[in-house]
Protein backbone atom coordinates (compact mmCIF):
# COMPACT_ATOMS: atom_id res chain seq x y z
CA MET A 1 69.66 119.60 117.32
CA ALA A 2 72.16 121.71 115.42
CA GLN A 3 72.85 120.73 111.85
CA LYS A 4 76.28 120.94 110.30
CA LYS A 5 76.62 123.13 107.27
CA ALA A 6 78.27 121.48 104.31
CA LYS A 7 81.33 123.34 103.09
CA LYS A 8 81.48 124.13 99.42
CA GLN A 9 84.12 121.88 97.93
CA VAL A 10 86.68 123.74 95.83
CA THR A 11 88.28 121.69 93.06
CA VAL A 12 91.18 122.03 90.68
CA THR A 13 91.56 120.20 87.36
CA VAL A 14 95.06 119.26 86.23
CA ARG A 15 96.27 117.80 82.93
CA GLN A 16 99.56 115.99 82.38
CA THR A 17 101.58 117.64 79.61
CA GLY A 18 105.00 116.02 80.04
CA SER A 19 106.25 112.46 80.09
CA SER A 20 107.26 110.75 83.30
CA THR A 21 109.88 108.73 81.43
CA ARG A 22 113.46 109.37 82.65
CA ARG A 23 112.25 111.34 85.67
CA PRO A 24 113.15 110.68 89.31
CA GLN A 25 111.06 108.04 91.05
CA ASP A 26 109.55 110.56 93.48
CA GLN A 27 108.19 112.68 90.60
CA TYR A 28 106.64 109.60 89.00
CA ALA A 29 105.09 108.64 92.34
CA THR A 30 103.69 112.17 92.70
CA LEU A 31 101.99 111.91 89.29
CA VAL A 32 100.48 108.57 90.29
CA GLY A 33 99.32 110.13 93.56
CA LEU A 34 97.57 112.85 91.58
CA GLY A 35 95.83 110.17 89.50
CA LEU A 36 97.82 110.90 86.37
CA GLY A 37 100.28 108.74 84.43
CA ARG A 38 99.85 109.43 80.72
CA ILE A 39 100.24 112.61 78.70
CA GLY A 40 96.86 114.24 78.18
CA LYS A 41 95.15 112.59 81.14
CA GLN A 42 93.04 114.95 83.29
CA LYS A 43 91.94 114.64 86.87
CA THR A 44 89.70 116.83 89.03
CA LEU A 45 90.94 116.96 92.62
CA GLU A 46 89.94 118.70 95.84
CA ASP A 47 91.93 121.92 96.22
CA THR A 48 93.94 121.33 99.42
CA PRO A 49 97.42 122.45 100.46
CA SER A 50 98.76 118.91 100.00
CA VAL A 51 97.41 118.68 96.44
CA ARG A 52 98.83 122.13 95.65
CA GLY A 53 102.22 120.97 96.93
CA MET A 54 102.09 117.88 94.73
CA ILE A 55 101.21 120.04 91.71
CA ARG A 56 104.09 122.38 92.54
CA LYS A 57 106.51 119.44 92.70
CA VAL A 58 105.69 118.33 89.14
CA ALA A 59 104.75 121.75 87.73
CA HIS A 60 106.99 121.18 84.71
CA MET A 61 104.88 118.15 83.70
CA VAL A 62 101.32 119.35 84.46
CA GLU A 63 99.07 122.33 83.79
CA ILE A 64 96.05 123.57 85.68
CA VAL A 65 93.05 123.50 83.37
CA GLU A 66 90.47 124.93 85.81
CA GLY A 67 91.08 126.51 89.16
């Protein structure tokens, strides 16, 4: 029986640097979707096109710590 090879999971770590106060609701929802919500909070996520798009949407409020 053939065995499936496990793909190496690539991750990206993001840190929130800006406040979500007085921002549009969709930007706040994007931060929550990334697992953020407070300044200084970090989250390690799987590096997928959808996560990259979310990071791009709130790029002015987050920074990539590790790529």
